[in-house]
Amino acid sequence: MTDKTGKAAPKGARGERLKQALRENLKRRKAQSRARSQPVTAEERGLDEAAAGGPDDSKR
């Protein structure tokens, strides 16, 4: 439908974009939550400390 200005009804398109964005956000948050619940191995912990300037980098 169009209104008096000749523009198409944006609320439907906006609603669809919002619905899609919310769906993608939920998927991303679920994936992050799953990744956080995974146990971290000692090797990964060592790599994370080195990348973050852990104890090994503080010896100057």
PDB file of N, CA and C in Angstrom:
ATOM      1  N   MET A   1       0.833  -1.183   0.000  1.00  0.00           N
ATOM      2  CA  MET A   1       0.000   0.000   0.000  1.00  0.00           C
ATOM      3  C   MET A   1       0.876   1.244   0.000  1.00  0.00           C
ATOM      4  N   THR A   2       0.330   2.314  -0.499  1.00  0.00           N
ATOM      5  CA  THR A   2       1.048   3.583  -0.464  1.00  0.00           C
ATOM      6  C   THR A   2       0.181   4.607   0.248  1.00  0.00           C
ATOM      7  N   ASP A   3       0.852   5.565   0.867  1.00  0.00           N
ATOM      8  CA  ASP A   3       0.096   6.636   1.505  1.00  0.00           C
ATOM      9  C   ASP A   3       0.098   7.852   0.589  1.00  0.00           C
ATOM     10  N   LYS A   4      -0.309   9.009   1.083  1.00  0.00           N
ATOM     11  CA  LYS A   4      -0.436  10.210   0.256  1.00  0.00           C
ATOM     12  C   LYS A   4       0.901  10.697  -0.278  1.00  0.00           C
ATOM     13  N   THR A   5       2.024  10.347   0.395  1.00  0.00           N
ATOM     14  CA  THR A   5       3.332  10.813  -0.075  1.00  0.00           C
ATOM     15  C   THR A   5       3.901   9.923  -1.172  1.00  0.00           C
ATOM     16  N   GLY A   6       3.264   8.780  -1.430  1.00  0.00           N
ATOM     17  CA  GLY A   6       3.736   7.889  -2.477  1.00  0.00           C
ATOM     18  C   GLY A   6       4.731   6.854  -1.980  1.00  0.00           C
ATOM     19  N   LYS A   7       5.009   6.859  -0.695  1.00  0.00           N
ATOM     20  CA  LYS A   7       5.944   5.888  -0.151  1.00  0.00           C
ATOM     21  C   LYS A   7       5.201   4.607   0.211  1.00  0.00           C
ATOM     22  N   ALA A   8       5.903   3.496   0.072  1.00  0.00           N
ATOM     23  CA  ALA A   8       5.316   2.212   0.483  1.00  0.00           C
ATOM     24  C   ALA A   8       5.255   2.165   1.998  1.00  0.00           C
ATOM     25  N   ALA A   9       4.377   1.350   2.512  1.00  0.00           N
ATOM     26  CA  ALA A   9       4.221   1.230   3.962  1.00  0.00           C
ATOM     27  C   ALA A   9       5.507   0.693   4.582  1.00  0.00           C
ATOM     28  N   PRO A  10       6.297   1.529   5.248  1.00  0.00           N
ATOM     29  CA  PRO A  10       7.600   1.110   5.764  1.00  0.00           C
ATOM     30  C   PRO A  10       7.501   0.258   7.025  1.00  0.00           C
ATOM     31  N   LYS A  11       6.384   0.312   7.726  1.00  0.00           N
ATOM     32  CA  LYS A  11       6.288  -0.420   8.992  1.00  0.00           C
ATOM     33  C   LYS A  11       6.402  -1.917   8.780  1.00  0.00           C
ATOM     34  N   GLY A  12       5.846  -2.446   7.715  1.00  0.00           N
ATOM     35  CA  GLY A  12       5.961  -3.873   7.449  1.00  0.00           C
ATOM     36  C   GLY A  12       7.399  -4.266   7.165  1.00  0.00           C
ATOM     37  N   ALA A  13       8.076  -3.515   6.320  1.00  0.00           N
ATOM     38  CA  ALA A  13       9.471  -3.794   5.990  1.00  0.00           C
ATOM     39  C   ALA A  13      10.354  -3.600   7.213  1.00  0.00           C
ATOM     40  N   ARG A  14      10.064  -2.577   7.984  1.00  0.00           N
ATOM     41  CA  ARG A  14      10.853  -2.309   9.194  1.00  0.00           C
ATOM     42  C   ARG A  14      10.664  -3.446  10.194  1.00  0.00           C
ATOM     43  N   GLY A  15       9.437  -3.891  10.328  1.00  0.00           N
ATOM     44  CA  GLY A  15       9.153  -4.999  11.238  1.00  0.00           C
ATOM     45  C   GLY A  15       9.875  -6.265  10.832  1.00  0.00           C
ATOM     46  N   GLU A  16       9.930  -6.534   9.531  1.00  0.00           N
ATOM     47  CA  GLU A  16      10.638  -7.719   9.041  1.00  0.00           C
ATOM     48  C   GLU A  16      12.138  -7.602   9.300  1.00  0.00           C
ATOM     49  N   ARG A  17      12.697  -6.402   9.062  1.00  0.00           N
ATOM     50  CA  ARG A  17      14.128  -6.195   9.339  1.00  0.00           C
ATOM     51  C   ARG A  17      14.415  -6.364  10.825  1.00  0.00           C
ATOM     52  N   LEU A  18      13.552  -5.833  11.659  1.00  0.00           N
ATOM     53  CA  LEU A  18      13.723  -5.955  13.101  1.00  0.00           C
ATOM     54  C   LEU A  18      13.641  -7.413  13.535  1.00  0.00           C
ATOM     55  N   LYS A  19      12.671  -8.133  12.998  1.00  0.00           N
ATOM     56  CA  LYS A  19      12.508  -9.543  13.332  1.00  0.00           C
ATOM     57  C   LYS A  19      13.760 -10.333  12.943  1.00  0.00           C
ATOM     58  N   GLN A  20      14.291 -10.064  11.753  1.00  0.00           N
ATOM     59  CA  GLN A  20      15.496 -10.753  11.281  1.00  0.00           C
ATOM     60  C   GLN A  20      16.707 -10.395  12.144  1.00  0.00           C
ATOM     61  N   ALA A  21      16.848  -9.119  12.506  1.00  0.00           N
ATOM     62  CA  ALA A  21      17.974  -8.689  13.341  1.00  0.00           C
ATOM     63  C   ALA A  21      17.898  -9.338  14.720  1.00  0.00           C
ATOM     64  N   LEU A  22      16.704  -9.403  15.283  1.00  0.00           N
ATOM     65  CA  LEU A  22      16.547 -10.032  16.597  1.00  0.00           C
ATOM     66  C   LEU A  22      16.855 -11.521  16.542  1.00  0.00           C
ATOM     67  N   ARG A  23      16.448 -12.164  15.473  1.00  0.00           N
ATOM     68  CA  ARG A  23      16.717 -13.591  15.305  1.00  0.00           C
ATOM     69  C   ARG A  23      18.224 -13.849  15.215  1.00  0.00           C
ATOM     70  N   GLU A  24      18.926 -13.020  14.424  1.00  0.00           N
ATOM     71  CA  GLU A  24      20.376 -13.170  14.289  1.00  0.00           C
ATOM     72  C   GLU A  24      21.081 -12.887  15.614  1.00  0.00           C
ATOM     73  N   ASN A  25      20.608 -11.891  16.346  1.00  0.00           N
ATOM     74  CA  ASN A  25      21.183 -11.551  17.645  1.00  0.00           C
ATOM     75  C   ASN A  25      21.025 -12.721  18.608  1.00  0.00           C
ATOM     76  N   LEU A  26      19.852 -13.337  18.616  1.00  0.00           N
ATOM     77  CA  LEU A  26      19.611 -14.472  19.493  1.00  0.00           C
ATOM     78  C   LEU A  26      20.539 -15.634  19.140  1.00  0.00           C
ATOM     79  N   LYS A  27      20.714 -15.906  17.852  1.00  0.00           N
ATOM     80  CA  LYS A  27      21.615 -16.975  17.428  1.00  0.00           C
ATOM     81  C   LYS A  27      23.037 -16.699  17.892  1.00  0.00           C
ATOM     82  N   ARG A  28      23.479 -15.448  17.742  1.00  0.00           N
ATOM     83  CA  ARG A  28      24.836 -15.080  18.147  1.00  0.00           C
ATOM     84  C   ARG A  28      25.017 -15.230  19.652  1.00  0.00           C
ATOM     85  N   ARG A  29      24.027 -14.781  20.419  1.00  0.00           N
ATOM     86  CA  ARG A  29      24.108 -14.876  21.876  1.00  0.00           C
ATOM     87  C   ARG A  29      24.103 -16.325  22.345  1.00  0.00           C
ATOM     88  N   LYS A  30      23.314 -17.176  21.685  1.00  0.00           N
ATOM     89  CA  LYS A  30      23.301 -18.593  22.042  1.00  0.00           C
ATOM     90  C   LYS A  30      24.661 -19.231  21.755  1.00  0.00           C
ATOM     91  N   ALA A  31      25.256 -18.886  20.624  1.00  0.00           N
ATOM     92  CA  ALA A  31      26.564 -19.433  20.277  1.00  0.00           C
ATOM     93  C   ALA A  31      27.618 -18.978  21.291  1.00  0.00           C
ATOM     94  N   GLN A  32      27.557 -17.724  21.706  1.00  0.00           N
ATOM     95  CA  GLN A  32      28.500 -17.223  22.710  1.00  0.00           C
ATOM     96  C   GLN A  32      28.311 -17.955  24.032  1.00  0.00           C
ATOM     97  N   SER A  33      27.074 -18.178  24.408  1.00  0.00           N
ATOM     98  CA  SER A  33      26.780 -18.867  25.655  1.00  0.00           C
ATOM     99  C   SER A  33      27.304 -20.304  25.614  1.00  0.00           C
ATOM    100  N   ARG A  34      27.108 -20.973  24.495  1.00  0.00           N
ATOM    101  CA  ARG A  34      27.612 -22.336  24.354  1.00  0.00           C
ATOM    102  C   ARG A  34      29.132 -22.364  24.445  1.00  0.00           C
ATOM    103  N   ALA A  35      29.784 -21.390  23.812  1.00  0.00           N
ATOM    104  CA  ALA A  35      31.248 -21.340  23.838  1.00  0.00           C
ATOM    105  C   ALA A  35      31.759 -21.083  25.249  1.00  0.00           C
ATOM    106  N   ARG A  36      31.056 -20.257  26.010  1.00  0.00           N
ATOM    107  CA  ARG A  36      31.482 -19.969  27.385  1.00  0.00           C
ATOM    108  C   ARG A  36      31.310 -21.183  28.287  1.00  0.00           C
ATOM    109  N   SER A  37      30.350 -22.031  28.003  1.00  0.00           N
ATOM    110  CA  SER A  37      30.090 -23.182  28.856  1.00  0.00           C
ATOM    111  C   SER A  37      31.058 -24.334  28.578  1.00  0.00           C
ATOM    112  N   GLN A  38      31.829 -24.252  27.499  1.00  0.00           N
ATOM    113  CA  GLN A  38      32.813 -25.281  27.191  1.00  0.00           C
ATOM    114  C   GLN A  38      33.994 -25.169  28.145  1.00  0.00           C
ATOM    115  N   PRO A  39      34.524 -26.297  28.636  1.00  0.00           N
ATOM    116  CA  PRO A  39      35.698 -26.231  29.509  1.00  0.00           C
ATOM    117  C   PRO A  39      36.914 -25.746  28.727  1.00  0.00           C
ATOM    118  N   VAL A  40      37.728 -24.961  29.389  1.00  0.00           N
ATOM    119  CA  VAL A  40      38.926 -24.405  28.756  1.00  0.00           C
ATOM    120  C   VAL A  40      40.101 -25.304  29.104  1.00  0.00           C
ATOM    121  N   THR A  41      40.844 -25.710  28.078  1.00  0.00           N
ATOM    122  CA  THR A  41      41.995 -26.577  28.316  1.00  0.00           C
ATOM    123  C   THR A  41      43.177 -25.741  28.792  1.00  0.00           C
ATOM    124  N   ALA A  42      44.168 -26.386  29.369  1.00  0.00           N
ATOM    125  CA  ALA A  42      45.359 -25.690  29.857  1.00  0.00           C
ATOM    126  C   ALA A  42      46.082 -25.017  28.699  1.00  0.00           C
ATOM    127  N   GLU A  43      46.098 -25.675  27.552  1.00  0.00           N
ATOM    128  CA  GLU A  43      46.770 -25.096  26.385  1.00  0.00           C
ATOM    129  C   GLU A  43      46.092 -23.802  25.960  1.00  0.00           C
ATOM    130  N   GLU A  44      44.758 -23.803  25.893  1.00  0.00           N
ATOM    131  CA  GLU A  44      44.023 -22.595  25.514  1.00  0.00           C
ATOM    132  C   GLU A  44      44.236 -21.491  26.542  1.00  0.00           C
ATOM    133  N   ARG A  45      44.262 -21.861  27.832  1.00  0.00           N
ATOM    134  CA  ARG A  45      44.470 -20.878  28.881  1.00  0.00           C
ATOM    135  C   ARG A  45      45.836 -20.211  28.720  1.00  0.00           C
ATOM    136  N   GLY A  46      46.852 -20.997  28.378  1.00  0.00           N
ATOM    137  CA  GLY A  46      48.195 -20.460  28.171  1.00  0.00           C
ATOM    138  C   GLY A  46      48.234 -19.520  26.987  1.00  0.00           C
ATOM    139  N   LEU A  47      47.534 -19.854  25.926  1.00  0.00           N
ATOM    140  CA  LEU A  47      47.494 -18.989  24.753  1.00  0.00           C
ATOM    141  C   LEU A  47      46.767 -17.690  25.072  1.00  0.00           C
ATOM    142  N   ASP A  48      45.691 -17.764  25.847  1.00  0.00           N
ATOM    143  CA  ASP A  48      44.939 -16.570  26.203  1.00  0.00           C
ATOM    144  C   ASP A  48      45.775 -15.630  27.067  1.00  0.00           C
ATOM    145  N   GLU A  49      46.532 -16.163  28.020  1.00  0.00           N
ATOM    146  CA  GLU A  49      47.352 -15.315  28.885  1.00  0.00           C
ATOM    147  C   GLU A  49      48.441 -14.623  28.088  1.00  0.00           C
ATOM    148  N   ALA A  50      49.052 -15.334  27.140  1.00  0.00           N
ATOM    149  CA  ALA A  50      50.105 -14.732  26.335  1.00  0.00           C
ATOM    150  C   ALA A  50      49.539 -13.633  25.449  1.00  0.00           C
ATOM    151  N   ALA A  51      48.372 -13.848  24.901  1.00  0.00           N
ATOM    152  CA  ALA A  51      47.748 -12.845  24.033  1.00  0.00           C
ATOM    153  C   ALA A  51      47.326 -11.614  24.821  1.00  0.00           C
ATOM    154  N   ALA A  52      46.956 -11.813  26.098  1.00  0.00           N
ATOM    155  CA  ALA A  52      46.471 -10.704  26.912  1.00  0.00           C
ATOM    156  C   ALA A  52      47.585 -10.056  27.716  1.00  0.00           C
ATOM    157  N   GLY A  53      48.827 -10.419  27.461  1.00  0.00           N
ATOM    158  CA  GLY A  53      49.919  -9.842  28.234  1.00  0.00           C
ATOM    159  C   GLY A  53      49.972 -10.441  29.613  1.00  0.00           C
ATOM    160  N   GLY A  54      49.877 -11.757  29.692  1.00  0.00           N
ATOM    161  CA  GLY A  54      49.836 -12.476  30.951  1.00  0.00           C
ATOM    162  C   GLY A  54      51.140 -12.410  31.711  1.00  0.00           C
ATOM    163  N   PRO A  55      51.326 -13.296  32.662  1.00  0.00           N
ATOM    164  CA  PRO A  55      52.485 -13.269  33.548  1.00  0.00           C
ATOM    165  C   PRO A  55      53.824 -13.365  32.809  1.00  0.00           C
ATOM    166  N   ASP A  56      53.876 -14.070  31.682  1.00  0.00           N
ATOM    167  CA  ASP A  56      55.147 -14.216  30.962  1.00  0.00           C
ATOM    168  C   ASP A  56      55.623 -12.893  30.379  1.00  0.00           C
ATOM    169  N   ASP A  57      54.711 -12.018  29.999  1.00  0.00           N
ATOM    170  CA  ASP A  57      55.095 -10.750  29.381  1.00  0.00           C
ATOM    171  C   ASP A  57      55.499  -9.691  30.410  1.00  0.00           C
ATOM    172  N   SER A  58      55.210  -9.934  31.692  1.00  0.00           N
ATOM    173  CA  SER A  58      55.482  -8.898  32.692  1.00  0.00           C
ATOM    174  C   SER A  58      56.936  -8.912  33.147  1.00  0.00           C
ATOM    175  N   LYS A  59      57.722  -9.910  32.739  1.00  0.00           N
ATOM    176  CA  LYS A  59      59.135  -9.971  33.124  1.00  0.00           C
ATOM    177  C   LYS A  59      59.946  -9.107  32.172  1.00  0.00           C
ATOM    178  N   ARG A  60      60.198  -7.902  32.557  1.00  0.00           N
ATOM    179  CA  ARG A  60      60.942  -6.996  31.674  1.00  0.00           C
ATOM    180  C   ARG A  60      62.314  -6.760  32.180  1.00  0.00           C
TER     181      ARG A  60
END
